[in-house]
Amino acid sequence: MLPTPFAEAVLDVIEAIPPGRVVTYGDIAEFLGTGGPRTVGTVLARYGSGVPWWRVIRADGSLLPGHEARALAHYRAEGTPMNRRGDRVDMARARWAGWSELPPILVQT
C-alpha cells in the first residue's frame, strides 16, 4: 500500500529533523496543520522504517517501548541530550524548533 499524501508529508518532516534533535508526534501534526499525535504515530508504524524514527518521541522524552536499545544507540551516536539517568531524552535541550528551516513543500498535504 502506498503512503497517503499526509503520510508522505510526515515522512518528509521526519527526514528534515537534524541529528541529535527530536520532535514530538504532536509537533509534527501541529506543523502540518492536520491529523494528530496518534495519526503521526500510525504513519511511523506503517511507513517509518526508512526514516530516522527515533527522532520522533513522546512529549515526556520517554523512549519508544520495545525499541529502547535501538533508539539509545542512535541517540548516543548523534549526541542527543539525555537526562542524567540516560533513560529519557532531555526535551528542554533536544527538542527541535527549526520549523522555519523546512521547505514550504513539506506543509502541503
Protein backbone atom coordinates (compact mmCIF):
# COMPACT_ATOMS: atom_id res chain seq x y z
CA MET A 1 0.00 0.00 0.00
CA LEU A 2 1.35 3.41 -0.97
CA PRO A 3 1.55 6.18 1.62
CA THR A 4 -1.15 8.86 1.55
CA PRO A 5 -0.16 12.49 0.91
CA PHE A 6 -0.38 13.06 4.69
CA ALA A 7 1.93 10.12 5.35
CA GLU A 8 4.40 11.41 2.75
CA ALA A 9 4.37 14.83 4.44
CA VAL A 10 5.00 13.25 7.86
CA LEU A 11 7.92 11.24 6.47
CA ASP A 12 9.35 14.34 4.78
CA VAL A 13 9.24 16.26 8.06
CA ILE A 14 10.97 13.42 9.90
CA GLU A 15 13.71 13.33 7.27
CA ALA A 16 14.35 17.03 7.92
CA ILE A 17 14.92 16.71 11.69
CA PRO A 18 18.64 17.21 12.29
CA PRO A 19 20.73 14.54 14.03
CA GLY A 20 20.77 14.99 17.79
CA ARG A 21 17.38 16.71 17.83
CA VAL A 22 13.87 15.37 18.42
CA VAL A 23 10.25 16.42 17.95
CA THR A 24 7.03 15.03 19.35
CA TYR A 25 4.27 13.33 17.44
CA GLY A 26 2.09 16.32 18.27
CA ASP A 27 4.72 18.77 16.99
CA ILE A 28 4.54 17.17 13.56
CA ALA A 29 0.72 17.18 13.48
CA GLU A 30 0.65 20.81 14.59
CA PHE A 31 3.23 21.81 11.99
CA LEU A 32 1.30 20.09 9.20
CA GLY A 33 -1.99 21.53 10.45
CA THR A 34 -3.80 18.22 10.17
CA GLY A 35 -4.02 14.89 11.93
CA GLY A 36 -2.95 14.38 15.50
CA PRO A 37 -0.23 12.64 17.50
CA ARG A 38 -1.83 9.21 17.08
CA THR A 39 -2.16 9.69 13.33
CA VAL A 40 1.53 10.61 13.11
CA GLY A 41 2.33 7.51 15.19
CA THR A 42 0.31 5.36 12.83
CA VAL A 43 2.26 6.73 9.86
CA LEU A 44 5.51 5.87 11.62
CA ALA A 45 4.31 2.36 12.46
CA ARG A 46 3.33 1.68 8.86
CA TYR A 47 5.99 3.52 6.85
CA GLY A 48 8.68 4.77 9.25
CA SER A 49 11.37 2.12 8.95
CA GLY A 50 13.23 4.11 6.29
CA VAL A 51 13.35 7.42 8.17
CA PRO A 52 15.05 8.41 11.44
CA TRP A 53 12.06 7.27 13.54
CA TRP A 54 13.98 7.67 16.81
CA ARG A 55 13.84 11.45 16.38
CA VAL A 56 10.06 11.42 16.98
CA ILE A 57 9.17 10.74 20.61
CA ARG A 58 6.59 11.30 23.30
CA ALA A 59 6.40 14.76 24.85
CA ASP A 60 7.81 13.45 28.15
CA GLY A 61 11.01 12.29 26.44
CA SER A 62 10.38 8.60 27.08
CA LEU A 63 11.67 6.06 24.60
CA LEU A 64 9.52 4.00 22.25
CA PRO A 65 8.57 0.81 24.13
CA GLY A 66 10.19 -2.23 22.59
CA HIS A 67 12.76 -0.12 20.72
CA GLU A 68 14.65 1.41 23.64
CA ALA A 69 18.03 -0.20 22.92
CA ARG A 70 17.98 0.73 19.23
CA ALA A 71 16.86 4.27 19.98
CA LEU A 72 19.52 4.73 22.68
CA ALA A 73 22.22 3.62 20.26
CA HIS A 74 21.05 6.28 17.79
CA TYR A 75 20.84 8.97 20.50
CA ARG A 76 24.38 8.21 21.66
CA ALA A 77 25.74 8.23 18.12
CA GLU A 78 24.04 11.55 17.35
CA GLY A 79 24.80 13.22 20.69
CA THR A 80 21.14 13.71 21.58
CA PRO A 81 20.86 15.32 25.03
CA MET A 82 19.60 12.83 27.62
CA ASN A 83 18.56 13.18 31.25
CA ARG A 84 21.07 12.34 33.99
CA ARG A 85 19.94 8.71 34.23
CA GLY A 86 20.17 8.33 30.46
CA ASP A 87 16.72 6.80 30.15
CA ARG A 88 14.86 9.77 28.62
CA VAL A 89 15.63 12.45 26.11
CA ASP A 90 16.12 15.87 27.72
CA MET A 91 13.30 17.64 25.89
CA ALA A 92 14.38 21.12 27.02
CA ARG A 93 17.71 20.71 25.25
CA ALA A 94 16.90 18.26 22.43
CA ARG A 95 13.55 19.47 21.08
CA TRP A 96 13.94 20.92 17.62
CA ALA A 97 12.20 24.19 16.85
CA GLY A 98 13.59 24.74 13.37
CA TRP A 99 10.28 24.55 11.53
CA SER A 100 11.07 27.75 9.65
CA GLU A 101 14.01 25.94 8.08
CA LEU A 102 11.77 23.45 6.29
CA PRO A 103 10.95 23.94 2.62
CA PRO A 104 7.33 25.03 2.02
CA ILE A 105 6.56 21.86 0.05
CA LEU A 106 6.57 19.88 3.29
CA VAL A 107 3.48 21.62 4.60
CA GLN A 108 1.34 20.71 1.62
CA THR A 109 -0.89 17.75 2.45
